[in-house]
Amino acid sequence: MENITKLLKELTQTVGVAGCEENIVRLLENKLSEYGEVTVDSMNNVCCTFGEGYHFLLDAHLDEIGFVVTEITEDGFLKISNCGGIDTRPLPAMEVSIWGREEIRGVISTLPPHLQTSDDEKKVPKLSELSVDTGLSKEQLENIVSCGDRVTFKRNFTPLLNGLISASCLDDRSGVAAILLSLDYLKKLPCKITVMFSSQEEVGTRGAKAGVYDKYADEAIVVDVSFAYTPGCDKLECGEISKGGMIGFSPILDKDMSNALVSAATEENIPFTREIMSGKTGTNADVISISQSGIKTALISIPEKYMHQRVEVVDTADIESVSRLICAYIGKKVGDLNA
């Protein structure tokens, strides 16, 4: 558990907004280098292949949501737009980091309640109406920040009770962690493994679409996060945190793989739930499954509370369960193939 927590902290404290993932790319290059040759393509997908035989692709996306600077105003404020799906409701008064020539801190401006009208109290702000206040003048900002620089929520890593962690980009650094934790075991198996930590998922699954094209895998397992129940949610549309990984069932996913994941989890006493989807999954599985002439693809999701907020919450035990499930499934598959 402590190893998972340490790994998650390292992964979530490293910046990698969609389209500007260089920092997290460097970290993951280093993490994968002990398993095989690591390549980084022009999309910032980080890939590592090792072993021989039946070929499994393991995917999790490395990018995170954030903002992009669009203007430095005359009075020294920054205007921003979104990189990925941003919920504007909690943004006023939020702390952020601007990643220019150096990191600088700022806050998103907000009207004090004393100055708000009755209409203001009911209004959900548009991102274009918000500004970032750094305390610097326009001239000072221009020496540090350029339009196009990325902005993130202020880095947050808060251990909660019972093994839960709150941080700002557990989507999908928790999926990255689950795959990394499986590699020591997988390297011992008589099969071929390709790890693909893909870029730009948050802006349209772009990295996976390009990155998988020349991999020629027999099967793919995508690891992402999905919705964990909190008050106000529909329980039928959510999983439950601390109940293990969510094995996906969808028309776009391979039914035999999904069923085999259930069998492996049951046989190894690994906790899991089923996630039923009526169509696309909203993950890289959607594009990986139709690459080349089609790749058999499964999806395992880590239940997460408060997705796309700076206080996302996951259970380290669920990450461990997903890692164990990947190992159990591939180990059983390789055993069956070689029987």
C-alpha atoms as a PDB file:
ATOM      1  CA  MET A   1       0.000   0.000   0.000  1.00  0.00           C
ATOM      2  CA  GLU A   2       2.809   2.389   0.861  1.00  0.00           C
ATOM      3  CA  ASN A   3       4.507   1.683  -2.472  1.00  0.00           C
ATOM      4  CA  ILE A   4       1.305   2.510  -4.330  1.00  0.00           C
ATOM      5  CA  THR A   5       0.904   5.735  -2.365  1.00  0.00           C
ATOM      6  CA  LYS A   6       4.492   6.779  -3.065  1.00  0.00           C
ATOM      7  CA  LEU A   7       4.101   5.985  -6.766  1.00  0.00           C
ATOM      8  CA  LEU A   8       0.807   7.867  -7.014  1.00  0.00           C
ATOM      9  CA  LYS A   9       2.297  10.921  -5.381  1.00  0.00           C
ATOM     10  CA  GLU A  10       5.199  10.941  -7.831  1.00  0.00           C
ATOM     11  CA  LEU A  11       2.883  10.500 -10.814  1.00  0.00           C
ATOM     12  CA  THR A  12       0.295  13.098  -9.789  1.00  0.00           C
ATOM     13  CA  GLN A  13       2.843  15.754  -8.833  1.00  0.00           C
ATOM     14  CA  THR A  14       4.288  15.663 -12.368  1.00  0.00           C
ATOM     15  CA  VAL A  15       2.630  18.016 -14.851  1.00  0.00           C
ATOM     16  CA  GLY A  16       1.328  16.776 -18.195  1.00  0.00           C
ATOM     17  CA  VAL A  17      -1.570  18.783 -19.645  1.00  0.00           C
ATOM     18  CA  ALA A  18      -2.820  17.475 -22.993  1.00  0.00           C
ATOM     19  CA  GLY A  19      -0.475  18.633 -25.744  1.00  0.00           C
ATOM     20  CA  CYS A  20       2.306  19.595 -23.299  1.00  0.00           C
ATOM     21  CA  GLU A  21       3.113  16.262 -21.672  1.00  0.00           C
ATOM     22  CA  GLU A  22       6.924  16.461 -21.712  1.00  0.00           C
ATOM     23  CA  ASN A  23       7.421  16.306 -17.928  1.00  0.00           C
ATOM     24  CA  ILE A  24       5.305  13.203 -17.358  1.00  0.00           C
ATOM     25  CA  VAL A  25       6.804  11.673 -20.512  1.00  0.00           C
ATOM     26  CA  ARG A  26      10.308  11.964 -19.063  1.00  0.00           C
ATOM     27  CA  LEU A  27       9.238  10.389 -15.790  1.00  0.00           C
ATOM     28  CA  LEU A  28       7.556   7.457 -17.510  1.00  0.00           C
ATOM     29  CA  GLU A  29      10.499   6.931 -19.871  1.00  0.00           C
ATOM     30  CA  ASN A  30      12.606   6.430 -16.767  1.00  0.00           C
ATOM     31  CA  LYS A  31      10.062   4.143 -15.096  1.00  0.00           C
ATOM     32  CA  LEU A  32       9.822   1.861 -18.135  1.00  0.00           C
ATOM     33  CA  SER A  33      13.528   1.760 -18.986  1.00  0.00           C
ATOM     34  CA  GLU A  34      14.190  -1.196 -16.670  1.00  0.00           C
ATOM     35  CA  TYR A  35      11.787  -3.384 -18.667  1.00  0.00           C
ATOM     36  CA  GLY A  36      12.933  -2.786 -22.235  1.00  0.00           C
ATOM     37  CA  GLU A  37      13.662  -0.240 -24.927  1.00  0.00           C
ATOM     38  CA  VAL A  38      11.464   2.818 -24.548  1.00  0.00           C
ATOM     39  CA  THR A  39      10.264   4.920 -27.472  1.00  0.00           C
ATOM     40  CA  VAL A  40       8.474   8.258 -27.552  1.00  0.00           C
ATOM     41  CA  ASP A  41       6.680   9.078 -30.781  1.00  0.00           C
ATOM     42  CA  SER A  42       5.758  12.451 -32.253  1.00  0.00           C
ATOM     43  CA  MET A  43       2.466  12.419 -30.317  1.00  0.00           C
ATOM     44  CA  ASN A  44       4.236  11.967 -26.949  1.00  0.00           C
ATOM     45  CA  ASN A  45       3.054   8.375 -26.564  1.00  0.00           C
ATOM     46  CA  VAL A  46       5.519   6.485 -24.346  1.00  0.00           C
ATOM     47  CA  CYS A  47       5.870   2.824 -25.353  1.00  0.00           C
ATOM     48  CA  CYS A  48       7.899  -0.131 -24.130  1.00  0.00           C
ATOM     49  CA  THR A  49       7.824  -3.674 -25.552  1.00  0.00           C
ATOM     50  CA  PHE A  50       9.384  -6.764 -24.028  1.00  0.00           C
ATOM     51  CA  GLY A  51       9.089 -10.542 -24.368  1.00  0.00           C
ATOM     52  CA  GLU A  52       8.041 -12.759 -27.267  1.00  0.00           C
ATOM     53  CA  GLY A  53       4.914 -14.654 -28.232  1.00  0.00           C
ATOM     54  CA  TYR A  54       1.228 -13.823 -27.967  1.00  0.00           C
ATOM     55  CA  HIS A  55       1.054 -10.035 -27.857  1.00  0.00           C
ATOM     56  CA  PHE A  56      -0.799  -8.022 -25.196  1.00  0.00           C
ATOM     57  CA  LEU A  57      -1.078  -4.225 -25.340  1.00  0.00           C
ATOM     58  CA  LEU A  58      -1.643  -2.398 -22.040  1.00  0.00           C
ATOM     59  CA  ASP A  59      -2.824   1.201 -22.342  1.00  0.00           C
ATOM     60  CA  ALA A  60      -3.419   4.060 -19.905  1.00  0.00           C
ATOM     61  CA  HIS A  61      -3.363   7.729 -20.797  1.00  0.00           C
ATOM     62  CA  LEU A  62      -0.698   9.981 -19.302  1.00  0.00           C
ATOM     63  CA  ASP A  63      -2.222  13.401 -19.997  1.00  0.00           C
ATOM     64  CA  GLU A  64      -4.415  15.485 -17.705  1.00  0.00           C
ATOM     65  CA  ILE A  65      -7.005  18.208 -18.113  1.00  0.00           C
ATOM     66  CA  GLY A  66      -5.973  21.827 -17.676  1.00  0.00           C
ATOM     67  CA  PHE A  67      -6.111  25.248 -19.272  1.00  0.00           C
ATOM     68  CA  VAL A  68      -4.234  27.260 -21.886  1.00  0.00           C
ATOM     69  CA  VAL A  69      -3.355  30.963 -21.584  1.00  0.00           C
ATOM     70  CA  THR A  70      -5.147  32.934 -24.296  1.00  0.00           C
ATOM     71  CA  GLU A  71      -4.406  36.560 -23.313  1.00  0.00           C
ATOM     72  CA  ILE A  72      -2.447  38.769 -20.926  1.00  0.00           C
ATOM     73  CA  THR A  73      -4.675  41.748 -20.258  1.00  0.00           C
ATOM     74  CA  GLU A  74      -3.575  45.359 -19.884  1.00  0.00           C
ATOM     75  CA  ASP A  75      -4.372  45.275 -16.173  1.00  0.00           C
ATOM     76  CA  GLY A  76      -2.232  42.187 -15.555  1.00  0.00           C
ATOM     77  CA  PHE A  77      -4.747  39.343 -15.571  1.00  0.00           C
ATOM     78  CA  LEU A  78      -4.537  36.109 -17.572  1.00  0.00           C
ATOM     79  CA  LYS A  79      -7.425  34.874 -19.680  1.00  0.00           C
ATOM     80  CA  ILE A  80      -7.657  31.116 -20.162  1.00  0.00           C
ATOM     81  CA  SER A  81      -9.452  28.468 -22.159  1.00  0.00           C
ATOM     82  CA  ASN A  82      -9.827  24.748 -21.523  1.00  0.00           C
ATOM     83  CA  CYS A  83      -7.683  21.754 -22.464  1.00  0.00           C
ATOM     84  CA  GLY A  84     -10.124  18.892 -21.945  1.00  0.00           C
ATOM     85  CA  GLY A  85     -13.403  18.741 -20.093  1.00  0.00           C
ATOM     86  CA  ILE A  86     -13.522  21.486 -17.452  1.00  0.00           C
ATOM     87  CA  ASP A  87     -16.359  22.008 -14.968  1.00  0.00           C
ATOM     88  CA  THR A  88     -16.536  25.772 -14.473  1.00  0.00           C
ATOM     89  CA  ARG A  89     -18.769  25.686 -11.366  1.00  0.00           C
ATOM     90  CA  PRO A  90     -15.992  25.350  -8.747  1.00  0.00           C
ATOM     91  CA  LEU A  91     -13.395  27.484 -10.546  1.00  0.00           C
ATOM     92  CA  PRO A  92     -13.894  30.940  -8.956  1.00  0.00           C
ATOM     93  CA  ALA A  93     -11.361  31.437  -6.123  1.00  0.00           C
ATOM     94  CA  MET A  94      -9.477  28.261  -7.053  1.00  0.00           C
ATOM     95  CA  GLU A  95      -5.658  28.183  -6.810  1.00  0.00           C
ATOM     96  CA  VAL A  96      -3.766  27.393 -10.016  1.00  0.00           C
ATOM     97  CA  SER A  97      -0.226  27.066 -11.341  1.00  0.00           C
ATOM     98  CA  ILE A  98       0.883  28.699 -14.593  1.00  0.00           C
ATOM     99  CA  TRP A  99       3.642  26.758 -16.337  1.00  0.00           C
ATOM    100  CA  GLY A 100       5.562  29.410 -18.238  1.00  0.00           C
ATOM    101  CA  ARG A 101       9.333  29.863 -18.206  1.00  0.00           C
ATOM    102  CA  GLU A 102       8.929  28.974 -14.543  1.00  0.00           C
ATOM    103  CA  GLU A 103       5.997  27.958 -12.381  1.00  0.00           C
ATOM    104  CA  ILE A 104       4.049  30.855 -10.944  1.00  0.00           C
ATOM    105  CA  ARG A 105       0.999  30.636  -8.710  1.00  0.00           C
ATOM    106  CA  GLY A 106      -2.274  32.392  -9.205  1.00  0.00           C
ATOM    107  CA  VAL A 107      -5.921  32.416  -8.170  1.00  0.00           C
ATOM    108  CA  ILE A 108      -8.986  32.511 -10.368  1.00  0.00           C
ATOM    109  CA  SER A 109     -10.783  35.773  -9.738  1.00  0.00           C
ATOM    110  CA  THR A 110     -14.196  35.853  -8.103  1.00  0.00           C
ATOM    111  CA  LEU A 111     -16.711  38.432  -6.907  1.00  0.00           C
ATOM    112  CA  PRO A 112     -17.091  38.621  -3.110  1.00  0.00           C
ATOM    113  CA  PRO A 113     -20.608  37.655  -2.031  1.00  0.00           C
ATOM    114  CA  HIS A 114     -21.166  41.251  -0.838  1.00  0.00           C
ATOM    115  CA  LEU A 115     -20.866  42.496  -4.443  1.00  0.00           C
ATOM    116  CA  GLN A 116     -22.921  39.800  -6.129  1.00  0.00           C
ATOM    117  CA  THR A 117     -26.415  40.425  -7.422  1.00  0.00           C
ATOM    118  CA  SER A 118     -29.186  37.862  -7.062  1.00  0.00           C
ATOM    119  CA  ASP A 119     -28.554  36.877 -10.686  1.00  0.00           C
ATOM    120  CA  ASP A 120     -24.833  36.382  -9.988  1.00  0.00           C
ATOM    121  CA  GLU A 121     -25.645  33.883  -7.239  1.00  0.00           C
ATOM    122  CA  LYS A 122     -27.556  31.661  -9.671  1.00  0.00           C
ATOM    123  CA  LYS A 123     -25.149  31.898 -12.603  1.00  0.00           C
ATOM    124  CA  VAL A 124     -22.627  29.242 -13.627  1.00  0.00           C
ATOM    125  CA  PRO A 125     -19.617  31.224 -14.875  1.00  0.00           C
ATOM    126  CA  LYS A 126     -18.339  30.845 -18.410  1.00  0.00           C
ATOM    127  CA  LEU A 127     -14.625  30.193 -18.665  1.00  0.00           C
ATOM    128  CA  SER A 128     -14.287  33.258 -20.887  1.00  0.00           C
ATOM    129  CA  GLU A 129     -15.629  35.397 -18.020  1.00  0.00           C
ATOM    130  CA  LEU A 130     -12.946  34.255 -15.562  1.00  0.00           C
ATOM    131  CA  SER A 131      -9.429  35.616 -15.118  1.00  0.00           C
ATOM    132  CA  VAL A 132      -6.297  34.473 -13.297  1.00  0.00           C
ATOM    133  CA  ASP A 133      -4.695  36.870 -10.838  1.00  0.00           C
ATOM    134  CA  THR A 134      -0.983  36.333 -10.173  1.00  0.00           C
ATOM    135  CA  GLY A 135      -0.248  39.684  -8.537  1.00  0.00           C
ATOM    136  CA  LEU A 136       2.079  40.604 -11.397  1.00  0.00           C
ATOM    137  CA  SER A 137       1.766  43.453 -13.881  1.00  0.00           C
ATOM    138  CA  LYS A 138       1.381  42.865 -17.608  1.00  0.00           C
ATOM    139  CA  GLU A 139       5.068  43.711 -18.152  1.00  0.00           C
ATOM    140  CA  GLN A 140       6.185  41.287 -15.432  1.00  0.00           C
ATOM    141  CA  LEU A 141       3.922  38.522 -16.745  1.00  0.00           C
ATOM    142  CA  GLU A 142       5.228  38.902 -20.287  1.00  0.00           C
ATOM    143  CA  ASN A 143       8.718  38.058 -19.041  1.00  0.00           C
ATOM    144  CA  ILE A 144       7.484  34.716 -17.686  1.00  0.00           C
ATOM    145  CA  VAL A 145       4.276  33.698 -19.454  1.00  0.00           C
ATOM    146  CA  SER A 146       3.330  33.409 -23.125  1.00  0.00           C
ATOM    147  CA  CYS A 147      -0.020  32.778 -24.719  1.00  0.00           C
ATOM    148  CA  GLY A 148      -0.235  29.028 -25.247  1.00  0.00           C
ATOM    149  CA  ASP A 149       1.365  28.154 -21.899  1.00  0.00           C
ATOM    150  CA  ARG A 150      -0.552  25.634 -19.839  1.00  0.00           C
ATOM    151  CA  VAL A 151      -2.281  26.180 -16.501  1.00  0.00           C
ATOM    152  CA  THR A 152      -3.214  23.479 -13.985  1.00  0.00           C
ATOM    153  CA  PHE A 153      -5.004  23.198 -10.713  1.00  0.00           C
ATOM    154  CA  LYS A 154      -2.583  23.729  -7.841  1.00  0.00           C
ATOM    155  CA  ARG A 155      -0.948  20.361  -7.125  1.00  0.00           C
ATOM    156  CA  ASN A 156      -2.789  18.505  -4.382  1.00  0.00           C
ATOM    157  CA  PHE A 157      -2.000  15.159  -2.765  1.00  0.00           C
ATOM    158  CA  THR A 158      -4.023  14.369   0.336  1.00  0.00           C
ATOM    159  CA  PRO A 159      -4.058  10.923   1.950  1.00  0.00           C
ATOM    160  CA  LEU A 160      -7.512  10.246   3.386  1.00  0.00           C
ATOM    161  CA  LEU A 161      -8.621   7.470   5.726  1.00  0.00           C
ATOM    162  CA  ASN A 162      -8.808   3.773   4.776  1.00  0.00           C
ATOM    163  CA  GLY A 163      -6.288   3.960   1.941  1.00  0.00           C
ATOM    164  CA  LEU A 164      -8.087   6.650  -0.062  1.00  0.00           C
ATOM    165  CA  ILE A 165      -6.094   9.342  -1.862  1.00  0.00           C
ATOM    166  CA  SER A 166      -7.237  12.735  -3.145  1.00  0.00           C
ATOM    167  CA  ALA A 167      -5.259  14.412  -5.933  1.00  0.00           C
ATOM    168  CA  SER A 168      -5.843  16.482  -9.035  1.00  0.00           C
ATOM    169  CA  CYS A 169      -4.980  14.103 -11.892  1.00  0.00           C
ATOM    170  CA  LEU A 170      -5.722  10.582 -10.711  1.00  0.00           C
ATOM    171  CA  ASP A 171      -7.474  10.416 -14.090  1.00  0.00           C
ATOM    172  CA  ASP A 172      -5.522   8.615 -15.363  1.00  0.00           C
ATOM    173  CA  ARG A 173      -2.303   8.464 -13.359  1.00  0.00           C
ATOM    174  CA  SER A 174      -4.014   5.795 -11.245  1.00  0.00           C
ATOM    175  CA  GLY A 175      -4.359   3.686 -14.400  1.00  0.00           C
ATOM    176  CA  VAL A 176      -0.685   4.294 -15.190  1.00  0.00           C
ATOM    177  CA  ALA A 177       0.168   3.148 -11.646  1.00  0.00           C
ATOM    178  CA  ALA A 178      -1.873  -0.051 -11.988  1.00  0.00           C
ATOM    179  CA  ILE A 179       0.019  -1.020 -15.156  1.00  0.00           C
ATOM    180  CA  LEU A 180       3.431  -0.139 -13.708  1.00  0.00           C
ATOM    181  CA  LEU A 181       2.711  -2.311 -10.670  1.00  0.00           C
ATOM    182  CA  SER A 182       2.002  -5.321 -12.901  1.00  0.00           C
ATOM    183  CA  LEU A 183       5.198  -5.258 -14.953  1.00  0.00           C
ATOM    184  CA  ASP A 184       7.576  -7.147 -12.660  1.00  0.00           C
ATOM    185  CA  TYR A 185       5.253 -10.158 -12.825  1.00  0.00           C
ATOM    186  CA  LEU A 186       4.419  -9.834 -16.524  1.00  0.00           C
ATOM    187  CA  LYS A 187       8.079  -9.711 -17.532  1.00  0.00           C
ATOM    188  CA  LYS A 188       8.454 -13.305 -16.296  1.00  0.00           C
ATOM    189  CA  LEU A 189       5.721 -14.678 -18.553  1.00  0.00           C
ATOM    190  CA  PRO A 190       6.324 -16.291 -21.987  1.00  0.00           C
ATOM    191  CA  CYS A 191       4.465 -13.633 -23.976  1.00  0.00           C
ATOM    192  CA  LYS A 192       4.984 -10.245 -25.580  1.00  0.00           C
ATOM    193  CA  ILE A 193       3.887  -7.146 -23.682  1.00  0.00           C
ATOM    194  CA  THR A 194       3.627  -3.619 -25.057  1.00  0.00           C
ATOM    195  CA  VAL A 195       2.949  -0.840 -22.576  1.00  0.00           C
ATOM    196  CA  MET A 196       1.549   2.309 -24.155  1.00  0.00           C
ATOM    197  CA  PHE A 197       1.107   5.360 -21.976  1.00  0.00           C
ATOM    198  CA  SER A 198      -0.817   7.469 -24.434  1.00  0.00           C
ATOM    199  CA  SER A 199      -1.144  11.218 -24.871  1.00  0.00           C
ATOM    200  CA  GLN A 200      -4.038  13.574 -25.573  1.00  0.00           C
ATOM    201  CA  GLU A 201      -6.848  11.300 -24.391  1.00  0.00           C
ATOM    202  CA  GLU A 202      -8.502  14.280 -22.739  1.00  0.00           C
ATOM    203  CA  VAL A 203      -8.827  16.086 -26.072  1.00  0.00           C
ATOM    204  CA  GLY A 204     -10.225  13.220 -28.122  1.00  0.00           C
ATOM    205  CA  THR A 205      -8.247   9.948 -27.647  1.00  0.00           C
ATOM    206  CA  ARG A 206      -5.739  11.296 -30.172  1.00  0.00           C
ATOM    207  CA  GLY A 207      -2.584   9.671 -28.823  1.00  0.00           C
ATOM    208  CA  ALA A 208      -3.961   6.144 -28.673  1.00  0.00           C
ATOM    209  CA  LYS A 209      -5.445   6.462 -32.148  1.00  0.00           C
ATOM    210  CA  ALA A 210      -1.996   7.095 -33.621  1.00  0.00           C
ATOM    211  CA  GLY A 211       0.126   5.154 -31.145  1.00  0.00           C
ATOM    212  CA  VAL A 212      -1.519   1.764 -31.532  1.00  0.00           C
ATOM    213  CA  TYR A 213      -1.414   1.766 -35.317  1.00  0.00           C
ATOM    214  CA  ASP A 214       1.883  -0.082 -35.745  1.00  0.00           C
ATOM    215  CA  LYS A 215       1.744  -2.310 -32.637  1.00  0.00           C
ATOM    216  CA  TYR A 216      -0.096  -5.335 -34.135  1.00  0.00           C
ATOM    217  CA  ALA A 217      -1.244  -6.623 -30.764  1.00  0.00           C
ATOM    218  CA  ASP A 218      -3.396  -9.724 -30.417  1.00  0.00           C
ATOM    219  CA  GLU A 219      -5.312  -8.218 -27.506  1.00  0.00           C
ATOM    220  CA  ALA A 220      -5.470  -4.905 -25.696  1.00  0.00           C
ATOM    221  CA  ILE A 221      -6.431  -3.996 -22.140  1.00  0.00           C
ATOM    222  CA  VAL A 222      -7.213  -0.343 -21.490  1.00  0.00           C
ATOM    223  CA  VAL A 223      -7.047   0.936 -17.902  1.00  0.00           C
ATOM    224  CA  ASP A 224      -8.865   4.169 -17.090  1.00  0.00           C
ATOM    225  CA  VAL A 225     -11.086   5.556 -14.360  1.00  0.00           C
ATOM    226  CA  SER A 226     -14.855   5.556 -14.133  1.00  0.00           C
ATOM    227  CA  PHE A 227     -17.503   7.054 -11.907  1.00  0.00           C
ATOM    228  CA  ALA A 228     -17.724   5.985  -8.269  1.00  0.00           C
ATOM    229  CA  TYR A 229     -20.996   6.651  -6.485  1.00  0.00           C
ATOM    230  CA  THR A 230     -21.382   9.824  -4.432  1.00  0.00           C
ATOM    231  CA  PRO A 231     -24.601  11.456  -3.150  1.00  0.00           C
ATOM    232  CA  GLY A 232     -26.614  12.900  -5.996  1.00  0.00           C
ATOM    233  CA  CYS A 233     -25.449  10.317  -8.560  1.00  0.00           C
ATOM    234  CA  ASP A 234     -27.586   7.588 -10.127  1.00  0.00           C
ATOM    235  CA  LYS A 235     -26.351   4.311  -8.609  1.00  0.00           C
ATOM    236  CA  LEU A 236     -27.125   2.479 -11.843  1.00  0.00           C
ATOM    237  CA  GLU A 237     -24.585   4.668 -13.659  1.00  0.00           C
ATOM    238  CA  CYS A 238     -21.813   4.338 -11.074  1.00  0.00           C
ATOM    239  CA  GLY A 239     -19.496   1.820  -9.536  1.00  0.00           C
ATOM    240  CA  GLU A 240     -18.505   1.806  -5.895  1.00  0.00           C
ATOM    241  CA  ILE A 241     -15.166   2.848  -4.521  1.00  0.00           C
ATOM    242  CA  SER A 242     -13.222   0.186  -2.568  1.00  0.00           C
ATOM    243  CA  LYS A 243     -15.015  -2.657  -4.385  1.00  0.00           C
ATOM    244  CA  GLY A 244     -12.224  -3.405  -6.887  1.00  0.00           C
ATOM    245  CA  GLY A 245     -11.829  -2.655 -10.579  1.00  0.00           C
ATOM    246  CA  MET A 246     -14.818  -2.231 -12.876  1.00  0.00           C
ATOM    247  CA  ILE A 247     -14.763  -4.769 -15.731  1.00  0.00           C
ATOM    248  CA  GLY A 248     -16.368  -3.222 -18.784  1.00  0.00           C
ATOM    249  CA  PHE A 249     -19.135  -4.813 -20.847  1.00  0.00           C
ATOM    250  CA  SER A 250     -20.023  -2.923 -24.012  1.00  0.00           C
ATOM    251  CA  PRO A 251     -20.791  -3.622 -27.683  1.00  0.00           C
ATOM    252  CA  ILE A 252     -17.378  -2.192 -28.593  1.00  0.00           C
ATOM    253  CA  LEU A 253     -15.504  -4.424 -26.118  1.00  0.00           C
ATOM    254  CA  ASP A 254     -14.618  -8.075 -26.699  1.00  0.00           C
ATOM    255  CA  LYS A 255     -17.196 -10.149 -24.795  1.00  0.00           C
ATOM    256  CA  ASP A 256     -14.889 -13.145 -24.374  1.00  0.00           C
ATOM    257  CA  MET A 257     -12.170 -10.977 -22.839  1.00  0.00           C
ATOM    258  CA  SER A 258     -14.648  -9.351 -20.446  1.00  0.00           C
ATOM    259  CA  ASN A 259     -15.944 -12.757 -19.363  1.00  0.00           C
ATOM    260  CA  ALA A 260     -12.396 -14.094 -18.994  1.00  0.00           C
ATOM    261  CA  LEU A 261     -11.497 -11.133 -16.773  1.00  0.00           C
ATOM    262  CA  VAL A 262     -14.486 -11.989 -14.569  1.00  0.00           C
ATOM    263  CA  SER A 263     -13.361 -15.638 -14.416  1.00  0.00           C
ATOM    264  CA  ALA A 264      -9.783 -14.662 -13.539  1.00  0.00           C
ATOM    265  CA  ALA A 265     -10.965 -12.290 -10.811  1.00  0.00           C
ATOM    266  CA  THR A 266     -13.304 -14.933  -9.370  1.00  0.00           C
ATOM    267  CA  GLU A 267     -10.664 -17.672  -9.398  1.00  0.00           C
ATOM    268  CA  GLU A 268      -8.030 -15.466  -7.752  1.00  0.00           C
ATOM    269  CA  ASN A 269     -10.474 -13.888  -5.266  1.00  0.00           C
ATOM    270  CA  ILE A 270      -9.804 -10.403  -6.665  1.00  0.00           C
ATOM    271  CA  PRO A 271     -12.622  -7.938  -5.928  1.00  0.00           C
ATOM    272  CA  PHE A 272     -14.386  -6.484  -8.960  1.00  0.00           C
ATOM    273  CA  THR A 273     -17.663  -5.093 -10.215  1.00  0.00           C
ATOM    274  CA  ARG A 274     -19.179  -5.025 -13.703  1.00  0.00           C
ATOM    275  CA  GLU A 275     -19.611  -1.795 -15.645  1.00  0.00           C
ATOM    276  CA  ILE A 276     -22.336  -2.007 -18.271  1.00  0.00           C
ATOM    277  CA  MET A 277     -22.186   0.449 -21.179  1.00  0.00           C
ATOM    278  CA  SER A 278     -24.615   0.590 -24.081  1.00  0.00           C
ATOM    279  CA  GLY A 279     -22.160   1.873 -26.672  1.00  0.00           C
ATOM    280  CA  LYS A 280     -18.841   3.700 -26.716  1.00  0.00           C
ATOM    281  CA  THR A 281     -16.886   3.747 -23.465  1.00  0.00           C
ATOM    282  CA  GLY A 282     -15.464   7.275 -23.630  1.00  0.00           C
ATOM    283  CA  THR A 283     -11.955   5.822 -23.261  1.00  0.00           C
ATOM    284  CA  ASN A 284      -9.059   4.821 -25.510  1.00  0.00           C
ATOM    285  CA  ALA A 285     -10.772   1.446 -25.931  1.00  0.00           C
ATOM    286  CA  ASP A 286     -13.055   3.108 -28.482  1.00  0.00           C
ATOM    287  CA  VAL A 287     -10.200   3.808 -30.910  1.00  0.00           C
ATOM    288  CA  ILE A 288      -7.850   0.917 -30.081  1.00  0.00           C
ATOM    289  CA  SER A 289     -10.558  -1.669 -30.787  1.00  0.00           C
ATOM    290  CA  ILE A 290     -10.985  -0.430 -34.378  1.00  0.00           C
ATOM    291  CA  SER A 291      -7.322   0.137 -35.235  1.00  0.00           C
ATOM    292  CA  GLN A 292      -5.862  -1.798 -38.182  1.00  0.00           C
ATOM    293  CA  SER A 293      -8.334  -4.615 -38.926  1.00  0.00           C
ATOM    294  CA  GLY A 294      -9.597  -4.578 -35.335  1.00  0.00           C
ATOM    295  CA  ILE A 295      -7.996  -5.503 -32.005  1.00  0.00           C
ATOM    296  CA  LYS A 296      -9.777  -7.500 -29.322  1.00  0.00           C
ATOM    297  CA  THR A 297     -10.039  -4.991 -26.485  1.00  0.00           C
ATOM    298  CA  ALA A 298     -11.099  -5.045 -22.845  1.00  0.00           C
ATOM    299  CA  LEU A 299     -11.532  -2.193 -20.385  1.00  0.00           C
ATOM    300  CA  ILE A 300     -10.851  -2.188 -16.652  1.00  0.00           C
ATOM    301  CA  SER A 301     -11.732   1.010 -14.828  1.00  0.00           C
ATOM    302  CA  ILE A 302     -10.689   2.253 -11.399  1.00  0.00           C
ATOM    303  CA  PRO A 303     -13.677   3.752  -9.543  1.00  0.00           C
ATOM    304  CA  GLU A 304     -13.055   7.442  -8.903  1.00  0.00           C
ATOM    305  CA  LYS A 305     -14.984  10.140  -7.097  1.00  0.00           C
ATOM    306  CA  TYR A 306     -15.108  13.766  -8.307  1.00  0.00           C
ATOM    307  CA  MET A 307     -13.686  13.189 -11.795  1.00  0.00           C
ATOM    308  CA  HIS A 308     -12.076  16.213 -13.513  1.00  0.00           C
ATOM    309  CA  GLN A 309     -11.809  18.127 -10.242  1.00  0.00           C
ATOM    310  CA  ARG A 310      -8.698  18.943  -8.223  1.00  0.00           C
ATOM    311  CA  VAL A 311      -9.965  16.647  -5.452  1.00  0.00           C
ATOM    312  CA  GLU A 312     -10.375  13.393  -7.381  1.00  0.00           C
ATOM    313  CA  VAL A 313     -10.456  10.407  -5.002  1.00  0.00           C
ATOM    314  CA  VAL A 314      -9.442   6.771  -5.527  1.00  0.00           C
ATOM    315  CA  ASP A 315      -8.742   3.828  -3.237  1.00  0.00           C
ATOM    316  CA  THR A 316      -5.206   2.442  -3.427  1.00  0.00           C
ATOM    317  CA  ALA A 317      -6.697  -1.016  -2.830  1.00  0.00           C
ATOM    318  CA  ASP A 318      -8.684  -0.693  -6.073  1.00  0.00           C
ATOM    319  CA  ILE A 319      -5.490   0.139  -7.973  1.00  0.00           C
ATOM    320  CA  GLU A 320      -3.839  -2.918  -6.470  1.00  0.00           C
ATOM    321  CA  SER A 321      -6.863  -5.048  -7.451  1.00  0.00           C
ATOM    322  CA  VAL A 322      -6.670  -3.855 -11.062  1.00  0.00           C
ATOM    323  CA  SER A 323      -2.957  -4.625 -11.205  1.00  0.00           C
ATOM    324  CA  ARG A 324      -3.551  -8.115  -9.799  1.00  0.00           C
ATOM    325  CA  LEU A 325      -6.373  -8.669 -12.275  1.00  0.00           C
ATOM    326  CA  ILE A 326      -4.174  -7.773 -15.254  1.00  0.00           C
ATOM    327  CA  CYS A 327      -1.561 -10.256 -14.032  1.00  0.00           C
ATOM    328  CA  ALA A 328      -4.121 -12.984 -13.350  1.00  0.00           C
ATOM    329  CA  TYR A 329      -5.802 -12.601 -16.735  1.00  0.00           C
ATOM    330  CA  ILE A 330      -2.601 -12.571 -18.778  1.00  0.00           C
ATOM    331  CA  GLY A 331      -1.061 -15.357 -16.730  1.00  0.00           C
ATOM    332  CA  LYS A 332      -4.113 -17.569 -17.253  1.00  0.00           C
ATOM    333  CA  LYS A 333      -4.312 -16.727 -20.964  1.00  0.00           C
ATOM    334  CA  VAL A 334      -0.654 -17.557 -21.528  1.00  0.00           C
ATOM    335  CA  GLY A 335      -1.078 -20.792 -19.596  1.00  0.00           C
ATOM    336  CA  ASP A 336      -4.065 -21.795 -21.733  1.00  0.00           C
ATOM    337  CA  LEU A 337      -2.237 -20.933 -24.953  1.00  0.00           C
ATOM    338  CA  ASN A 338       0.806 -22.990 -23.953  1.00  0.00           C
ATOM    339  CA  ALA A 339      -1.115 -25.938 -22.486  1.00  0.00           C
END
